[in-house]
Amino acid sequence: MIQNSTVDRASITEIQDWTVAYIADLLEIDPDEIDTALPFDRYGLDSTAAVGLTGDLEDWLGIEIDPTLLYDYPTIDSLAKYLAATSGAVNSQQSTDK
């Protein structure tokens, strides 16, 4: 099930920035301390935090995201690249369905 997107097509940079801000807020650290190339588990994100992150990403991007996606794309960089491509494909499909 795909919801209407609130973001026409999020860029890799926008997704990276959103995710960095989310993790920095969660961990109460400065966003500059987040390295987008390091695995999520280096920041101590447990499964509950991972589910929260994917749920909030779903809301922001307006697409359905599998909660296990962070295991398939274990860094902010890899996740952002995947989601940017996915959100673009989803939004293109939504445009042609109208």
N, C-alpha and C. Protein backbone atom coordinates (compact mmCIF):
# COMPACT_ATOMS: atom_id res chain seq x y z
N MET A 1 0.85 -1.18 0.00
CA MET A 1 0.00 0.00 0.00
C MET A 1 0.88 1.23 0.00
N ILE A 2 0.67 2.11 -0.96
CA ILE A 2 1.47 3.33 -1.07
C ILE A 2 0.55 4.51 -0.85
N GLN A 3 0.98 5.38 0.06
CA GLN A 3 0.21 6.56 0.36
C GLN A 3 0.58 7.67 -0.63
N ASN A 4 -0.21 8.74 -0.67
CA ASN A 4 0.16 9.90 -1.47
C ASN A 4 1.42 10.50 -0.90
N SER A 5 2.33 10.86 -1.77
CA SER A 5 3.62 11.37 -1.33
C SER A 5 3.51 12.84 -0.92
N THR A 6 4.17 13.17 0.18
CA THR A 6 4.25 14.57 0.60
C THR A 6 5.49 15.22 0.03
N VAL A 7 6.39 14.42 -0.50
CA VAL A 7 7.62 14.92 -1.11
C VAL A 7 7.61 14.44 -2.55
N ASP A 8 7.63 15.37 -3.52
CA ASP A 8 7.55 14.97 -4.92
C ASP A 8 8.63 13.96 -5.27
N ARG A 9 9.83 14.29 -4.98
CA ARG A 9 10.92 13.35 -5.16
C ARG A 9 12.05 13.83 -4.29
N ALA A 10 12.23 13.17 -3.19
CA ALA A 10 13.28 13.57 -2.27
C ALA A 10 14.63 13.23 -2.86
N SER A 11 15.54 14.17 -2.78
CA SER A 11 16.88 13.92 -3.27
C SER A 11 17.68 13.15 -2.23
N ILE A 12 18.78 12.60 -2.67
CA ILE A 12 19.67 11.88 -1.76
C ILE A 12 20.08 12.80 -0.62
N THR A 13 20.45 14.03 -0.95
CA THR A 13 20.90 14.99 0.07
C THR A 13 19.79 15.31 1.06
N GLU A 14 18.57 15.49 0.57
CA GLU A 14 17.45 15.79 1.48
C GLU A 14 17.20 14.63 2.44
N ILE A 15 17.27 13.41 1.92
CA ILE A 15 17.06 12.24 2.78
C ILE A 15 18.21 12.10 3.77
N GLN A 16 19.42 12.32 3.32
CA GLN A 16 20.57 12.28 4.23
C GLN A 16 20.41 13.31 5.34
N ASP A 17 20.08 14.54 4.95
CA ASP A 17 19.92 15.61 5.94
C ASP A 17 18.83 15.29 6.94
N TRP A 18 17.70 14.79 6.45
CA TRP A 18 16.58 14.44 7.33
C TRP A 18 17.00 13.35 8.31
N THR A 19 17.68 12.32 7.80
CA THR A 19 18.09 11.20 8.63
C THR A 19 19.14 11.62 9.66
N VAL A 20 20.09 12.45 9.24
CA VAL A 20 21.11 12.96 10.17
C VAL A 20 20.43 13.74 11.29
N ALA A 21 19.51 14.63 10.93
CA ALA A 21 18.81 15.43 11.94
C ALA A 21 18.01 14.53 12.88
N TYR A 22 17.37 13.51 12.34
CA TYR A 22 16.57 12.58 13.14
C TYR A 22 17.45 11.86 14.16
N ILE A 23 18.56 11.30 13.69
CA ILE A 23 19.45 10.55 14.58
C ILE A 23 20.12 11.47 15.60
N ALA A 24 20.53 12.64 15.16
CA ALA A 24 21.15 13.60 16.08
C ALA A 24 20.18 13.99 17.18
N ASP A 25 18.93 14.21 16.81
CA ASP A 25 17.90 14.56 17.80
C ASP A 25 17.66 13.39 18.75
N LEU A 26 17.57 12.20 18.19
CA LEU A 26 17.34 11.00 18.99
C LEU A 26 18.46 10.77 20.01
N LEU A 27 19.70 10.98 19.57
CA LEU A 27 20.86 10.73 20.43
C LEU A 27 21.30 11.97 21.21
N GLU A 28 20.62 13.09 20.93
CA GLU A 28 20.95 14.36 21.58
C GLU A 28 22.41 14.74 21.38
N ILE A 29 22.82 14.67 20.09
CA ILE A 29 24.16 15.08 19.73
C ILE A 29 24.08 16.07 18.58
N ASP A 30 25.19 16.72 18.28
CA ASP A 30 25.25 17.66 17.18
C ASP A 30 25.21 16.91 15.85
N PRO A 31 24.43 17.38 14.89
CA PRO A 31 24.37 16.70 13.58
C PRO A 31 25.75 16.53 12.93
N ASP A 32 26.68 17.44 13.22
CA ASP A 32 28.02 17.33 12.65
C ASP A 32 28.77 16.10 13.15
N GLU A 33 28.29 15.49 14.22
CA GLU A 33 28.93 14.29 14.77
C GLU A 33 28.48 13.01 14.06
N ILE A 34 27.51 13.13 13.16
CA ILE A 34 26.99 11.97 12.44
C ILE A 34 27.77 11.80 11.14
N ASP A 35 28.33 10.62 10.95
CA ASP A 35 29.03 10.27 9.72
C ASP A 35 28.09 9.40 8.90
N THR A 36 27.69 9.89 7.74
CA THR A 36 26.69 9.19 6.93
C THR A 36 27.21 7.89 6.32
N ALA A 37 28.51 7.65 6.41
CA ALA A 37 29.09 6.42 5.86
C ALA A 37 29.21 5.32 6.92
N LEU A 38 28.97 5.66 8.19
CA LEU A 38 29.06 4.66 9.26
C LEU A 38 27.73 3.90 9.39
N PRO A 39 27.81 2.62 9.73
CA PRO A 39 26.58 1.84 9.91
C PRO A 39 25.72 2.37 11.07
N PHE A 40 24.42 2.21 10.93
CA PHE A 40 23.49 2.66 11.96
C PHE A 40 23.82 2.07 13.33
N ASP A 41 24.26 0.82 13.34
CA ASP A 41 24.53 0.19 14.64
C ASP A 41 25.69 0.84 15.38
N ARG A 42 26.53 1.59 14.69
CA ARG A 42 27.62 2.32 15.36
C ARG A 42 27.07 3.44 16.25
N TYR A 43 25.84 3.84 15.97
CA TYR A 43 25.19 4.88 16.77
C TYR A 43 24.30 4.29 17.86
N GLY A 44 24.33 2.98 17.99
CA GLY A 44 23.58 2.32 19.05
C GLY A 44 22.09 2.24 18.83
N LEU A 45 21.66 2.33 17.58
CA LEU A 45 20.23 2.24 17.30
C LEU A 45 19.76 0.80 17.48
N ASP A 46 18.82 0.60 18.37
CA ASP A 46 18.26 -0.73 18.56
C ASP A 46 17.08 -0.92 17.62
N SER A 47 16.45 -2.08 17.69
CA SER A 47 15.35 -2.37 16.76
C SER A 47 14.18 -1.41 16.94
N THR A 48 13.93 -0.99 18.16
CA THR A 48 12.84 -0.03 18.41
C THR A 48 13.13 1.30 17.73
N ALA A 49 14.37 1.77 17.84
CA ALA A 49 14.76 3.03 17.19
C ALA A 49 14.70 2.89 15.67
N ALA A 50 15.09 1.72 15.16
CA ALA A 50 15.06 1.48 13.71
C ALA A 50 13.62 1.52 13.19
N VAL A 51 12.71 0.91 13.93
CA VAL A 51 11.29 0.92 13.53
C VAL A 51 10.75 2.34 13.59
N GLY A 52 11.11 3.08 14.61
CA GLY A 52 10.68 4.48 14.72
C GLY A 52 11.20 5.32 13.56
N LEU A 53 12.47 5.11 13.22
CA LEU A 53 13.08 5.85 12.11
C LEU A 53 12.37 5.54 10.80
N THR A 54 12.16 4.25 10.51
CA THR A 54 11.50 3.90 9.25
C THR A 54 10.05 4.39 9.22
N GLY A 55 9.38 4.36 10.35
CA GLY A 55 8.01 4.87 10.41
C GLY A 55 7.93 6.36 10.13
N ASP A 56 8.85 7.11 10.71
CA ASP A 56 8.87 8.55 10.48
C ASP A 56 9.31 8.87 9.05
N LEU A 57 10.22 8.07 8.50
CA LEU A 57 10.59 8.24 7.09
C LEU A 57 9.40 7.98 6.18
N GLU A 58 8.62 6.95 6.50
CA GLU A 58 7.39 6.67 5.75
C GLU A 58 6.48 7.89 5.72
N ASP A 59 6.27 8.46 6.89
CA ASP A 59 5.39 9.62 6.99
C ASP A 59 5.94 10.79 6.17
N TRP A 60 7.23 11.03 6.27
CA TRP A 60 7.85 12.16 5.58
C TRP A 60 7.84 11.97 4.06
N LEU A 61 8.20 10.77 3.61
CA LEU A 61 8.29 10.52 2.17
C LEU A 61 6.95 10.15 1.54
N GLY A 62 6.03 9.67 2.37
CA GLY A 62 4.73 9.27 1.85
C GLY A 62 4.76 7.95 1.10
N ILE A 63 5.73 7.10 1.44
CA ILE A 63 5.81 5.77 0.84
C ILE A 63 5.92 4.74 1.95
N GLU A 64 5.55 3.50 1.64
CA GLU A 64 5.66 2.43 2.62
C GLU A 64 7.10 1.94 2.65
N ILE A 65 7.65 1.79 3.85
CA ILE A 65 9.03 1.34 4.02
C ILE A 65 9.05 0.15 4.97
N ASP A 66 9.70 -0.90 4.54
CA ASP A 66 9.85 -2.09 5.37
C ASP A 66 10.75 -1.76 6.57
N PRO A 67 10.32 -2.06 7.78
CA PRO A 67 11.13 -1.75 8.97
C PRO A 67 12.51 -2.41 8.96
N THR A 68 12.69 -3.47 8.19
CA THR A 68 13.99 -4.14 8.13
C THR A 68 14.93 -3.51 7.11
N LEU A 69 14.50 -2.43 6.47
CA LEU A 69 15.29 -1.79 5.42
C LEU A 69 16.67 -1.34 5.92
N LEU A 70 16.77 -0.98 7.18
CA LEU A 70 18.05 -0.53 7.72
C LEU A 70 19.08 -1.65 7.76
N TYR A 71 18.62 -2.89 7.73
CA TYR A 71 19.55 -4.02 7.68
C TYR A 71 20.06 -4.22 6.26
N ASP A 72 19.22 -3.94 5.27
CA ASP A 72 19.62 -4.06 3.88
C ASP A 72 20.48 -2.88 3.42
N TYR A 73 20.22 -1.71 3.99
CA TYR A 73 20.94 -0.48 3.67
C TYR A 73 21.43 0.11 4.99
N PRO A 74 22.57 -0.38 5.49
CA PRO A 74 22.99 -0.12 6.87
C PRO A 74 23.65 1.23 7.15
N THR A 75 23.75 2.09 6.14
CA THR A 75 24.30 3.43 6.38
C THR A 75 23.31 4.48 5.89
N ILE A 76 23.48 5.68 6.36
CA ILE A 76 22.63 6.78 5.89
C ILE A 76 22.81 6.96 4.39
N ASP A 77 24.06 6.88 3.93
CA ASP A 77 24.33 7.06 2.49
C ASP A 77 23.60 6.02 1.64
N SER A 78 23.74 4.74 2.01
CA SER A 78 23.11 3.69 1.20
C SER A 78 21.59 3.76 1.28
N LEU A 79 21.07 4.06 2.46
CA LEU A 79 19.62 4.19 2.63
C LEU A 79 19.08 5.36 1.80
N ALA A 80 19.77 6.49 1.84
CA ALA A 80 19.32 7.67 1.10
C ALA A 80 19.31 7.43 -0.40
N LYS A 81 20.34 6.77 -0.91
CA LYS A 81 20.39 6.47 -2.34
C LYS A 81 19.22 5.57 -2.74
N TYR A 82 18.98 4.54 -1.95
CA TYR A 82 17.87 3.63 -2.24
C TYR A 82 16.53 4.36 -2.18
N LEU A 83 16.32 5.12 -1.11
CA LEU A 83 15.02 5.79 -0.94
C LEU A 83 14.79 6.87 -1.99
N ALA A 84 15.84 7.58 -2.38
CA ALA A 84 15.68 8.60 -3.42
C ALA A 84 15.24 7.96 -4.73
N ALA A 85 15.84 6.83 -5.06
CA ALA A 85 15.46 6.11 -6.28
C ALA A 85 14.05 5.55 -6.15
N THR A 86 13.73 5.00 -4.98
CA THR A 86 12.41 4.40 -4.75
C THR A 86 11.31 5.45 -4.74
N SER A 87 11.54 6.56 -4.04
CA SER A 87 10.49 7.58 -3.96
C SER A 87 10.24 8.19 -5.32
N GLY A 88 11.28 8.31 -6.15
CA GLY A 88 11.09 8.81 -7.51
C GLY A 88 10.28 7.85 -8.35
N ALA A 89 10.57 6.56 -8.23
CA ALA A 89 9.83 5.55 -8.99
C ALA A 89 8.38 5.49 -8.54
N VAL A 90 8.16 5.54 -7.25
CA VAL A 90 6.80 5.51 -6.71
C VAL A 90 6.02 6.72 -7.19
N ASN A 91 6.63 7.89 -7.12
CA ASN A 91 5.94 9.11 -7.51
C ASN A 91 5.68 9.16 -9.01
N SER A 92 6.58 8.61 -9.81
CA SER A 92 6.33 8.53 -11.25
C SER A 92 5.13 7.64 -11.53
N GLN A 93 5.03 6.52 -10.82
CA GLN A 93 3.91 5.60 -10.99
C GLN A 93 2.61 6.27 -10.56
N GLN A 94 2.65 7.02 -9.45
CA GLN A 94 1.45 7.70 -8.96
C GLN A 94 0.98 8.73 -9.99
N SER A 95 1.91 9.41 -10.64
CA SER A 95 1.55 10.42 -11.64
C SER A 95 0.86 9.78 -12.83
N THR A 96 1.34 8.61 -13.25
CA THR A 96 0.73 7.96 -14.40
C THR A 96 -0.60 7.29 -14.06
N ASP A 97 -0.83 7.01 -12.78
CA ASP A 97 -2.09 6.40 -12.35
C ASP A 97 -3.23 7.40 -12.29
N LYS A 98 -2.93 8.68 -12.30
CA LYS A 98 -3.98 9.71 -12.13
C LYS A 98 -4.69 9.97 -13.43
